[in-house]
């Protein structure tokens, strides 16, 4: 899985979606809809969230940590 980091995507979209969703509809700010995702592991064993349609990774976690809520 390859991670895209260009002007239309990248690592900061999750933060942008979260902030915009707290105030108004993210689409009002030109922010794309949050994709439907699937969970998996890449070749290095990192946790990967990928677009369910394209399989393109949009978020990775090298050392995910379990937390109690």
N, C-alpha and C. Protein backbone atom coordinates (compact mmCIF):
# COMPACT_ATOMS: atom_id res chain seq x y z
N UNK A 1 0.84 -1.18 0.00
CA UNK A 1 0.00 0.00 0.00
C UNK A 1 0.88 1.24 0.00
N UNK A 2 0.58 2.18 -0.86
CA UNK A 2 1.33 3.42 -0.95
C UNK A 2 0.52 4.55 -0.34
N UNK A 3 1.19 5.42 0.40
CA UNK A 3 0.51 6.57 0.99
C UNK A 3 0.68 7.78 0.10
N UNK A 4 -0.40 8.45 -0.20
CA UNK A 4 -0.37 9.65 -1.03
C UNK A 4 -0.21 10.87 -0.13
N UNK A 5 0.68 11.77 -0.52
CA UNK A 5 0.88 12.99 0.25
C UNK A 5 0.99 14.17 -0.71
N UNK A 6 -0.11 14.49 -1.38
CA UNK A 6 -0.10 15.62 -2.31
C UNK A 6 -1.08 16.68 -1.83
N UNK A 7 -1.34 17.67 -2.66
CA UNK A 7 -2.19 18.78 -2.26
C UNK A 7 -3.62 18.36 -1.95
N UNK A 8 -4.12 17.29 -2.57
CA UNK A 8 -5.52 16.90 -2.35
C UNK A 8 -5.69 15.88 -1.24
N UNK A 9 -4.61 15.35 -0.71
CA UNK A 9 -4.73 14.35 0.34
C UNK A 9 -3.61 14.54 1.34
N UNK A 10 -3.26 13.49 2.02
CA UNK A 10 -2.13 13.58 2.92
C UNK A 10 -2.46 13.18 4.32
N UNK A 11 -1.49 13.41 5.17
CA UNK A 11 -1.56 12.92 6.54
C UNK A 11 -2.46 13.75 7.45
N UNK A 12 -2.76 14.99 7.08
CA UNK A 12 -3.49 15.86 7.99
C UNK A 12 -5.00 15.87 7.76
N UNK A 13 -5.50 15.08 6.82
CA UNK A 13 -6.94 15.11 6.55
C UNK A 13 -7.77 14.68 7.76
N UNK A 14 -7.31 13.72 8.53
CA UNK A 14 -8.09 13.27 9.69
C UNK A 14 -8.33 14.42 10.65
N UNK A 15 -7.30 15.21 10.92
CA UNK A 15 -7.45 16.36 11.81
C UNK A 15 -8.40 17.39 11.19
N UNK A 16 -8.25 17.64 9.91
CA UNK A 16 -9.10 18.61 9.22
C UNK A 16 -10.56 18.19 9.26
N UNK A 17 -10.83 16.88 8.99
CA UNK A 17 -12.21 16.38 9.04
C UNK A 17 -12.79 16.56 10.44
N UNK A 18 -12.01 16.25 11.45
CA UNK A 18 -12.50 16.32 12.83
C UNK A 18 -12.84 17.75 13.21
N UNK A 19 -11.96 18.68 12.90
CA UNK A 19 -12.20 20.08 13.24
C UNK A 19 -13.41 20.62 12.49
N UNK A 20 -13.49 20.39 11.19
CA UNK A 20 -14.61 20.90 10.40
C UNK A 20 -15.93 20.29 10.85
N UNK A 21 -15.92 19.01 11.20
CA UNK A 21 -17.15 18.34 11.62
C UNK A 21 -17.68 18.89 12.94
N UNK A 22 -16.82 19.46 13.77
CA UNK A 22 -17.25 20.03 15.05
C UNK A 22 -18.09 21.29 14.85
N UNK A 23 -17.92 21.97 13.73
CA UNK A 23 -18.57 23.26 13.53
C UNK A 23 -19.66 23.23 12.47
N UNK A 24 -19.36 22.72 11.30
CA UNK A 24 -20.32 22.70 10.20
C UNK A 24 -20.07 21.46 9.36
N UNK A 25 -20.71 21.43 8.24
CA UNK A 25 -20.50 20.34 7.29
C UNK A 25 -19.13 20.52 6.63
N UNK A 26 -18.24 19.52 6.72
CA UNK A 26 -16.92 19.66 6.10
C UNK A 26 -16.96 20.04 4.63
N UNK A 27 -18.01 19.62 3.91
CA UNK A 27 -18.12 19.97 2.48
C UNK A 27 -18.24 21.48 2.28
N UNK A 28 -18.73 22.21 3.29
CA UNK A 28 -18.81 23.67 3.20
C UNK A 28 -17.44 24.31 3.06
N UNK A 29 -16.40 23.58 3.47
CA UNK A 29 -15.03 24.09 3.42
C UNK A 29 -14.21 23.44 2.32
N UNK A 30 -14.86 22.69 1.45
CA UNK A 30 -14.14 22.02 0.37
C UNK A 30 -13.37 20.80 0.83
N UNK A 31 -13.74 20.26 1.99
CA UNK A 31 -13.07 19.08 2.53
C UNK A 31 -13.81 17.84 2.03
N UNK A 32 -13.10 16.88 1.44
CA UNK A 32 -13.77 15.70 0.90
C UNK A 32 -14.39 14.85 2.01
N UNK A 33 -15.41 14.07 1.63
CA UNK A 33 -16.04 13.16 2.59
C UNK A 33 -15.04 12.15 3.11
N UNK A 34 -15.23 11.74 4.35
CA UNK A 34 -14.39 10.70 4.94
C UNK A 34 -14.66 9.40 4.20
N UNK A 35 -13.63 8.74 3.70
CA UNK A 35 -13.85 7.52 2.92
C UNK A 35 -14.27 6.35 3.81
N UNK A 36 -14.98 5.40 3.21
CA UNK A 36 -15.23 4.13 3.89
C UNK A 36 -13.90 3.41 3.90
N UNK A 37 -13.52 2.82 5.04
CA UNK A 37 -12.20 2.23 5.09
C UNK A 37 -12.21 0.78 5.54
N UNK A 38 -11.09 0.13 5.25
CA UNK A 38 -10.82 -1.23 5.72
C UNK A 38 -9.53 -1.18 6.52
N UNK A 39 -9.39 -2.11 7.44
CA UNK A 39 -8.22 -2.18 8.30
C UNK A 39 -7.34 -3.33 7.85
N UNK A 40 -6.05 -3.16 7.94
CA UNK A 40 -5.13 -4.22 7.57
C UNK A 40 -3.73 -3.92 8.05
N UNK A 41 -2.78 -4.71 7.62
CA UNK A 41 -1.36 -4.52 7.94
C UNK A 41 -0.57 -4.45 6.65
N UNK A 42 0.45 -3.59 6.62
CA UNK A 42 1.29 -3.52 5.43
C UNK A 42 2.46 -4.49 5.57
N UNK A 43 3.39 -4.48 4.62
CA UNK A 43 4.51 -5.42 4.61
C UNK A 43 5.40 -5.28 5.84
N UNK A 44 5.46 -4.08 6.43
CA UNK A 44 6.28 -3.86 7.62
C UNK A 44 5.52 -4.17 8.91
N UNK A 45 4.27 -4.60 8.82
CA UNK A 45 3.48 -4.95 9.99
C UNK A 45 2.75 -3.79 10.63
N UNK A 46 2.76 -2.61 10.00
CA UNK A 46 2.07 -1.45 10.56
C UNK A 46 0.57 -1.56 10.31
N UNK A 47 -0.21 -1.05 11.26
CA UNK A 47 -1.66 -0.97 11.09
C UNK A 47 -1.95 0.05 10.00
N UNK A 48 -2.81 -0.30 9.05
CA UNK A 48 -3.11 0.57 7.92
C UNK A 48 -4.62 0.69 7.78
N UNK A 49 -5.10 1.92 7.61
CA UNK A 49 -6.49 2.17 7.24
C UNK A 49 -6.47 2.57 5.79
N UNK A 50 -7.26 1.88 4.97
CA UNK A 50 -7.25 2.11 3.53
C UNK A 50 -8.67 2.32 3.01
N UNK A 51 -8.78 3.04 1.91
CA UNK A 51 -10.04 3.27 1.23
C UNK A 51 -10.60 1.91 0.80
N UNK A 52 -11.86 1.62 1.13
CA UNK A 52 -12.43 0.31 0.82
C UNK A 52 -12.59 0.06 -0.67
N UNK A 53 -12.74 1.12 -1.47
CA UNK A 53 -12.91 0.95 -2.91
C UNK A 53 -11.59 0.81 -3.65
N UNK A 54 -10.62 1.66 -3.31
CA UNK A 54 -9.35 1.68 -4.05
C UNK A 54 -8.24 0.90 -3.38
N UNK A 55 -8.37 0.66 -2.08
CA UNK A 55 -7.31 -0.01 -1.34
C UNK A 55 -6.15 0.91 -1.00
N UNK A 56 -6.28 2.20 -1.32
CA UNK A 56 -5.21 3.16 -1.06
C UNK A 56 -5.17 3.55 0.41
N UNK A 57 -4.00 3.41 1.03
CA UNK A 57 -3.84 3.74 2.45
C UNK A 57 -3.93 5.24 2.66
N UNK A 58 -4.66 5.66 3.71
CA UNK A 58 -4.70 7.07 4.04
C UNK A 58 -4.23 7.34 5.46
N UNK A 59 -3.98 6.28 6.25
CA UNK A 59 -3.48 6.45 7.60
C UNK A 59 -2.74 5.19 8.02
N UNK A 60 -1.59 5.37 8.68
CA UNK A 60 -0.80 4.24 9.16
C UNK A 60 -0.39 4.48 10.61
N UNK A 61 -0.23 3.39 11.34
CA UNK A 61 0.24 3.47 12.72
C UNK A 61 1.31 2.41 12.92
N UNK A 62 2.53 2.86 13.20
CA UNK A 62 3.63 1.92 13.36
C UNK A 62 3.51 1.17 14.68
N UNK A 63 3.15 1.87 15.75
CA UNK A 63 3.03 1.26 17.07
C UNK A 63 1.68 1.58 17.69
N UNK A 64 0.59 0.98 17.21
CA UNK A 64 -0.71 1.27 17.83
C UNK A 64 -0.73 0.79 19.28
N UNK A 65 -1.39 1.54 20.14
CA UNK A 65 -1.43 1.23 21.56
C UNK A 65 -2.88 1.04 21.99
N UNK A 66 -3.13 -0.01 22.75
CA UNK A 66 -4.48 -0.23 23.28
C UNK A 66 -4.71 0.74 24.44
N UNK A 67 -5.91 1.30 24.49
CA UNK A 67 -6.26 2.21 25.58
C UNK A 67 -7.58 1.76 26.19
N UNK A 68 -7.75 2.09 27.46
CA UNK A 68 -9.03 1.81 28.12
C UNK A 68 -9.85 3.07 28.10
N UNK A 69 -11.14 2.92 27.86
CA UNK A 69 -12.03 4.07 27.86
C UNK A 69 -12.83 4.09 29.12
